[in-house]
Amino acid sequence: MTDVTTRNPGDPLYHTGQIKDLLRGTMDHLREDIAKVDDPQARALFETSAEVLGGLVTACEHYEQKSEPAWR
């Protein structure tokens, strides 16, 4: 499969690739910050947020692969 970062900017897959990279970066940042705070509620918020962003990454992948009926 072609690397989505080398696609034409008019191609939606170019943008889903960029969005996935941003979401993954934010997920990593949230998970790193869990170890930096003592507040259990903040930790839960960061982990929950990372999980939600992971769902968005999965949705982008399903769109790219047309693996769900909504994307066919």
N, C-alpha and C. Protein backbone atom coordinates (compact mmCIF):
# COMPACT_ATOMS: atom_id res chain seq x y z
N MET A 1 0.84 -1.19 0.00
CA MET A 1 0.00 0.00 0.00
C MET A 1 0.88 1.24 0.00
N THR A 2 0.48 2.27 -0.69
CA THR A 2 1.23 3.51 -0.78
C THR A 2 1.17 4.26 0.53
N ASP A 3 2.27 4.87 0.90
CA ASP A 3 2.31 5.70 2.11
C ASP A 3 1.36 6.88 1.92
N VAL A 4 0.40 7.04 2.83
CA VAL A 4 -0.62 8.08 2.66
C VAL A 4 -0.01 9.47 2.74
N THR A 5 1.16 9.64 3.31
CA THR A 5 1.75 10.97 3.39
C THR A 5 2.31 11.43 2.06
N THR A 6 2.42 10.52 1.07
CA THR A 6 2.95 10.91 -0.23
C THR A 6 1.83 11.15 -1.24
N ARG A 7 0.61 11.04 -0.83
CA ARG A 7 -0.52 11.21 -1.73
C ARG A 7 -0.77 12.68 -2.04
N ASN A 8 -1.58 12.89 -3.03
CA ASN A 8 -2.01 14.21 -3.43
C ASN A 8 -2.85 14.84 -2.31
N PRO A 9 -2.60 16.11 -1.96
CA PRO A 9 -3.40 16.76 -0.92
C PRO A 9 -4.90 16.83 -1.24
N GLY A 10 -5.29 16.60 -2.47
CA GLY A 10 -6.71 16.54 -2.80
C GLY A 10 -7.33 15.19 -2.50
N ASP A 11 -6.50 14.22 -2.18
CA ASP A 11 -6.96 12.87 -1.86
C ASP A 11 -7.36 12.81 -0.38
N PRO A 12 -8.57 12.38 -0.07
CA PRO A 12 -8.99 12.30 1.34
C PRO A 12 -8.06 11.43 2.19
N LEU A 13 -7.44 10.41 1.60
CA LEU A 13 -6.56 9.54 2.36
C LEU A 13 -5.29 10.27 2.83
N TYR A 14 -4.89 11.26 2.08
CA TYR A 14 -3.78 12.11 2.51
C TYR A 14 -4.13 12.76 3.85
N HIS A 15 -5.34 13.26 3.95
CA HIS A 15 -5.78 13.96 5.15
C HIS A 15 -6.05 13.00 6.30
N THR A 16 -6.64 11.84 6.02
CA THR A 16 -6.86 10.88 7.12
C THR A 16 -5.53 10.42 7.70
N GLY A 17 -4.52 10.28 6.85
CA GLY A 17 -3.20 9.92 7.35
C GLY A 17 -2.63 10.97 8.28
N GLN A 18 -2.78 12.23 7.89
CA GLN A 18 -2.30 13.33 8.73
C GLN A 18 -3.08 13.39 10.04
N ILE A 19 -4.38 13.22 9.96
CA ILE A 19 -5.22 13.27 11.16
C ILE A 19 -4.83 12.14 12.11
N LYS A 20 -4.63 10.94 11.57
CA LYS A 20 -4.22 9.81 12.42
C LYS A 20 -2.91 10.11 13.13
N ASP A 21 -1.96 10.70 12.43
CA ASP A 21 -0.68 11.05 13.05
C ASP A 21 -0.88 12.04 14.20
N LEU A 22 -1.72 13.05 13.99
CA LEU A 22 -1.99 14.03 15.04
C LEU A 22 -2.68 13.39 16.24
N LEU A 23 -3.67 12.54 15.95
CA LEU A 23 -4.40 11.88 17.04
C LEU A 23 -3.47 10.98 17.85
N ARG A 24 -2.64 10.22 17.15
CA ARG A 24 -1.70 9.33 17.85
C ARG A 24 -0.71 10.13 18.70
N GLY A 25 -0.26 11.26 18.18
CA GLY A 25 0.64 12.12 18.95
C GLY A 25 -0.02 12.64 20.21
N THR A 26 -1.28 13.03 20.10
CA THR A 26 -2.02 13.50 21.26
C THR A 26 -2.26 12.36 22.25
N MET A 27 -2.57 11.17 21.73
CA MET A 27 -2.74 10.00 22.60
C MET A 27 -1.46 9.74 23.39
N ASP A 28 -0.33 9.77 22.72
CA ASP A 28 0.96 9.54 23.39
C ASP A 28 1.20 10.59 24.48
N HIS A 29 0.91 11.85 24.14
CA HIS A 29 1.10 12.94 25.10
C HIS A 29 0.21 12.73 26.33
N LEU A 30 -1.04 12.39 26.12
CA LEU A 30 -1.94 12.14 27.24
C LEU A 30 -1.42 11.02 28.13
N ARG A 31 -0.98 9.95 27.51
CA ARG A 31 -0.51 8.80 28.30
C ARG A 31 0.79 9.12 29.04
N GLU A 32 1.64 9.93 28.45
CA GLU A 32 2.86 10.35 29.15
C GLU A 32 2.52 11.21 30.36
N ASP A 33 1.51 12.06 30.21
CA ASP A 33 1.13 12.96 31.30
C ASP A 33 0.49 12.23 32.48
N ILE A 34 -0.03 11.03 32.25
CA ILE A 34 -0.62 10.26 33.35
C ILE A 34 0.41 10.06 34.46
N ALA A 35 1.65 9.79 34.08
CA ALA A 35 2.70 9.56 35.06
C ALA A 35 3.19 10.85 35.72
N LYS A 36 2.79 11.98 35.18
CA LYS A 36 3.29 13.26 35.69
C LYS A 36 2.36 13.93 36.69
N VAL A 37 1.15 13.41 36.83
CA VAL A 37 0.19 14.04 37.75
C VAL A 37 -0.19 13.07 38.86
N ASP A 38 -0.52 13.63 40.00
CA ASP A 38 -0.91 12.80 41.15
C ASP A 38 -2.43 12.65 41.26
N ASP A 39 -3.16 13.53 40.65
CA ASP A 39 -4.62 13.53 40.78
C ASP A 39 -5.23 12.35 40.03
N PRO A 40 -5.88 11.41 40.73
CA PRO A 40 -6.45 10.24 40.07
C PRO A 40 -7.54 10.59 39.06
N GLN A 41 -8.25 11.68 39.32
CA GLN A 41 -9.30 12.09 38.37
C GLN A 41 -8.67 12.61 37.07
N ALA A 42 -7.58 13.33 37.19
CA ALA A 42 -6.88 13.80 36.00
C ALA A 42 -6.32 12.62 35.22
N ARG A 43 -5.77 11.65 35.94
CA ARG A 43 -5.25 10.46 35.27
C ARG A 43 -6.36 9.73 34.51
N ALA A 44 -7.51 9.61 35.14
CA ALA A 44 -8.64 8.95 34.48
C ALA A 44 -9.09 9.75 33.26
N LEU A 45 -9.10 11.06 33.39
CA LEU A 45 -9.47 11.92 32.25
C LEU A 45 -8.50 11.73 31.10
N PHE A 46 -7.20 11.70 31.39
CA PHE A 46 -6.20 11.55 30.33
C PHE A 46 -6.32 10.19 29.65
N GLU A 47 -6.50 9.14 30.45
CA GLU A 47 -6.61 7.80 29.86
C GLU A 47 -7.89 7.67 29.04
N THR A 48 -9.00 8.19 29.55
CA THR A 48 -10.26 8.14 28.81
C THR A 48 -10.14 8.92 27.51
N SER A 49 -9.52 10.06 27.57
CA SER A 49 -9.33 10.87 26.36
C SER A 49 -8.49 10.13 25.33
N ALA A 50 -7.43 9.48 25.79
CA ALA A 50 -6.58 8.71 24.87
C ALA A 50 -7.37 7.58 24.23
N GLU A 51 -8.22 6.92 24.99
CA GLU A 51 -9.04 5.83 24.45
C GLU A 51 -10.03 6.36 23.40
N VAL A 52 -10.63 7.50 23.66
CA VAL A 52 -11.57 8.09 22.69
C VAL A 52 -10.84 8.43 21.40
N LEU A 53 -9.66 9.02 21.51
CA LEU A 53 -8.88 9.34 20.32
C LEU A 53 -8.48 8.08 19.56
N GLY A 54 -8.22 7.00 20.29
CA GLY A 54 -7.93 5.73 19.64
C GLY A 54 -9.11 5.26 18.81
N GLY A 55 -10.31 5.50 19.29
CA GLY A 55 -11.51 5.16 18.51
C GLY A 55 -11.59 5.97 17.23
N LEU A 56 -11.18 7.22 17.29
CA LEU A 56 -11.17 8.05 16.08
C LEU A 56 -10.11 7.57 15.08
N VAL A 57 -8.96 7.12 15.58
CA VAL A 57 -7.94 6.54 14.70
C VAL A 57 -8.53 5.31 14.00
N THR A 58 -9.21 4.47 14.76
CA THR A 58 -9.84 3.28 14.19
C THR A 58 -10.87 3.66 13.14
N ALA A 59 -11.66 4.69 13.40
CA ALA A 59 -12.65 5.14 12.42
C ALA A 59 -11.98 5.59 11.13
N CYS A 60 -10.86 6.28 11.24
CA CYS A 60 -10.12 6.70 10.04
C CYS A 60 -9.61 5.48 9.28
N GLU A 61 -9.11 4.50 10.00
CA GLU A 61 -8.62 3.28 9.35
C GLU A 61 -9.75 2.54 8.65
N HIS A 62 -10.89 2.48 9.27
CA HIS A 62 -12.04 1.82 8.64
C HIS A 62 -12.46 2.57 7.37
N TYR A 63 -12.40 3.90 7.42
CA TYR A 63 -12.70 4.69 6.23
C TYR A 63 -11.69 4.38 5.12
N GLU A 64 -10.41 4.37 5.47
CA GLU A 64 -9.37 4.12 4.47
C GLU A 64 -9.51 2.74 3.84
N GLN A 65 -9.87 1.76 4.65
CA GLN A 65 -9.97 0.38 4.19
C GLN A 65 -11.35 0.04 3.65
N LYS A 66 -12.28 0.98 3.82
CA LYS A 66 -13.68 0.75 3.43
C LYS A 66 -14.20 -0.55 4.03
N SER A 67 -13.84 -0.78 5.30
CA SER A 67 -14.17 -2.03 5.96
C SER A 67 -15.51 -2.00 6.68
N GLU A 68 -16.16 -0.87 6.70
CA GLU A 68 -17.49 -0.75 7.32
C GLU A 68 -18.51 -0.37 6.25
N PRO A 69 -19.74 -0.85 6.40
CA PRO A 69 -20.77 -0.55 5.38
C PRO A 69 -20.94 0.95 5.12
N ALA A 70 -20.78 1.77 6.13
CA ALA A 70 -20.95 3.22 5.93
C ALA A 70 -19.93 3.81 4.97
N TRP A 71 -18.78 3.18 4.83
CA TRP A 71 -17.71 3.71 3.98
C TRP A 71 -17.66 3.08 2.61
N ARG A 72 -18.58 2.17 2.31
CA ARG A 72 -18.56 1.53 0.98
C ARG A 72 -19.38 2.29 -0.02
